[in-house]
C-alpha atoms as a PDB file:
ATOM      1  CA  MET A   1     -46.607  45.014 -73.202  1.00  0.00           C
ATOM      2  CA  ALA A   2     -45.529  41.931 -72.743  1.00  0.00           C
ATOM      3  CA  ASP A   3     -45.173  40.110 -69.693  1.00  0.00           C
ATOM      4  CA  ILE A   4     -41.825  39.129 -69.096  1.00  0.00           C
ATOM      5  CA  ASN A   5     -42.365  37.009 -66.283  1.00  0.00           C
ATOM      6  CA  LYS A   6     -44.951  34.510 -68.247  1.00  0.00           C
ATOM      7  CA  LEU A   7     -43.003  34.171 -70.746  1.00  0.00           C
ATOM      8  CA  LYS A   8     -40.109  32.885 -68.532  1.00  0.00           C
ATOM      9  CA  SER A   9     -42.491  30.884 -66.846  1.00  0.00           C
ATOM     10  CA  ASN A  10     -43.728  29.459 -70.680  1.00  0.00           C
ATOM     11  CA  SER A  11     -40.122  29.124 -71.781  1.00  0.00           C
ATOM     12  CA  LEU A  12     -38.287  25.895 -71.949  1.00  0.00           C
ATOM     13  CA  ASN A  13     -35.180  24.849 -70.028  1.00  0.00           C
ATOM     14  CA  CYS A  14     -31.057  25.971 -70.673  1.00  0.00           C
ATOM     15  CA  PRO A  15     -30.287  22.784 -73.112  1.00  0.00           C
ATOM     16  CA  PHE A  16     -26.669  23.264 -71.483  1.00  0.00           C
ATOM     17  CA  CYS A  17     -27.523  23.380 -68.208  1.00  0.00           C
ATOM     18  CA  GLY A  18     -31.024  22.387 -67.422  1.00  0.00           C
ATOM     19  CA  LEU A  19     -31.976  25.684 -65.321  1.00  0.00           C
ATOM     20  CA  PHE A  20     -35.062  28.020 -65.996  1.00  0.00           C
ATOM     21  CA  ASN A  21     -33.115  31.062 -64.477  1.00  0.00           C
ATOM     22  CA  LEU A  22     -33.690  32.976 -67.627  1.00  0.00           C
ATOM     23  CA  ASP A  23     -33.227  36.467 -67.994  1.00  0.00           C
ATOM     24  CA  VAL A  24     -33.357  39.135 -71.551  1.00  0.00           C
ATOM     25  CA  GLN A  25     -30.483  42.048 -71.875  1.00  0.00           C
ATOM     26  CA  PHE A  26     -30.187  43.611 -74.864  1.00  0.00           C
ATOM     27  CA  ASN A  27     -27.093  44.151 -77.298  1.00  0.00           C
ATOM     28  CA  LYS A  28     -24.769  47.230 -76.887  1.00  0.00           C
ATOM     29  CA  THR A  29     -26.618  49.829 -78.725  1.00  0.00           C
ATOM     30  CA  ARG A  30     -29.969  48.421 -76.737  1.00  0.00           C
ATOM     31  CA  THR A  31     -31.813  47.707 -80.293  1.00  0.00           C
ATOM     32  CA  LYS A  32     -32.402  43.825 -80.006  1.00  0.00           C
ATOM     33  CA  MET A  33     -32.740  41.760 -76.903  1.00  0.00           C
ATOM     34  CA  TYR A  34     -31.726  37.899 -76.550  1.00  0.00           C
ATOM     35  CA  VAL A  35     -32.615  35.464 -73.906  1.00  0.00           C
ATOM     36  CA  LYS A  36     -29.640  34.169 -71.418  1.00  0.00           C
ATOM     37  CA  CYS A  37     -29.276  32.025 -69.017  1.00  0.00           C
ATOM     38  CA  CYS A  38     -28.064  32.836 -65.790  1.00  0.00           C
ATOM     39  CA  LYS A  39     -26.020  29.901 -64.248  1.00  0.00           C
ATOM     40  CA  CYS A  40     -23.967  29.433 -68.425  1.00  0.00           C
ATOM     41  CA  GLY A  41     -23.920  31.941 -69.910  1.00  0.00           C
ATOM     42  CA  ALA A  42     -25.858  29.982 -73.839  1.00  0.00           C
ATOM     43  CA  SER A  43     -27.603  32.771 -74.942  1.00  0.00           C
ATOM     44  CA  GLY A  44     -30.251  32.963 -78.077  1.00  0.00           C
ATOM     45  CA  PRO A  45     -30.461  35.132 -81.390  1.00  0.00           C
ATOM     46  CA  LEU A  46     -30.934  38.741 -81.246  1.00  0.00           C
ATOM     47  CA  GLU A  47     -34.400  40.024 -81.905  1.00  0.00           C
ATOM     48  CA  LYS A  48     -36.288  42.751 -82.222  1.00  0.00           C
ATOM     49  CA  ASN A  49     -38.707  42.203 -79.251  1.00  0.00           C
ATOM     50  CA  VAL A  50     -38.605  39.888 -76.091  1.00  0.00           C
ATOM     51  CA  GLU A  51     -41.929  37.741 -77.800  1.00  0.00           C
ATOM     52  CA  ASP A  52     -40.072  37.101 -80.395  1.00  0.00           C
ATOM     53  CA  ALA A  53     -36.393  36.777 -78.090  1.00  0.00           C
ATOM     54  CA  PHE A  54     -38.157  34.027 -75.942  1.00  0.00           C
ATOM     55  CA  GLU A  55     -39.703  32.561 -79.229  1.00  0.00           C
ATOM     56  CA  SER A  56     -36.400  32.409 -80.353  1.00  0.00           C
ATOM     57  CA  TRP A  57     -35.146  30.355 -77.821  1.00  0.00           C
ATOM     58  CA  ASN A  58     -37.549  28.033 -77.309  1.00  0.00           C
ATOM     59  CA  LYS A  59     -37.276  27.279 -80.986  1.00  0.00           C
ATOM     60  CA  ARG A  60     -33.287  26.990 -80.505  1.00  0.00           C
ATOM     61  CA  TYR A  61     -34.066  24.192 -77.564  1.00  0.00           C
ATOM     62  CA  ASN A  62     -35.777  22.257 -79.891  1.00  0.00           C
ATOM     63  CA  ASN A  63     -33.445  21.968 -82.569  1.00  0.00           C
ATOM     64  CA  LEU A  64     -30.344  20.930 -79.680  1.00  0.00           C
ATOM     65  CA  LYS A  65     -32.088  18.232 -78.378  1.00  0.00           C
ATOM     66  CA  LYS A  66     -32.959  16.774 -81.852  1.00  0.00           C
ATOM     67  CA  GLN A  67     -29.598  16.825 -83.039  1.00  0.00           C
END
């Protein structure tokens, strides 16, 4: 089982509002999850587990900063 607090502390801030206030949310069927910014509502892609959700969040952040 992943340590969500450790994943949160190693994640990048929100590329839209700049805050680090992140949470993990589930889709309606609770089969996938994603990282969501608690301040502005920005969210990462749906993933099968919490580790992948944070990895995708960090990749998304890096892709946005390059543009």
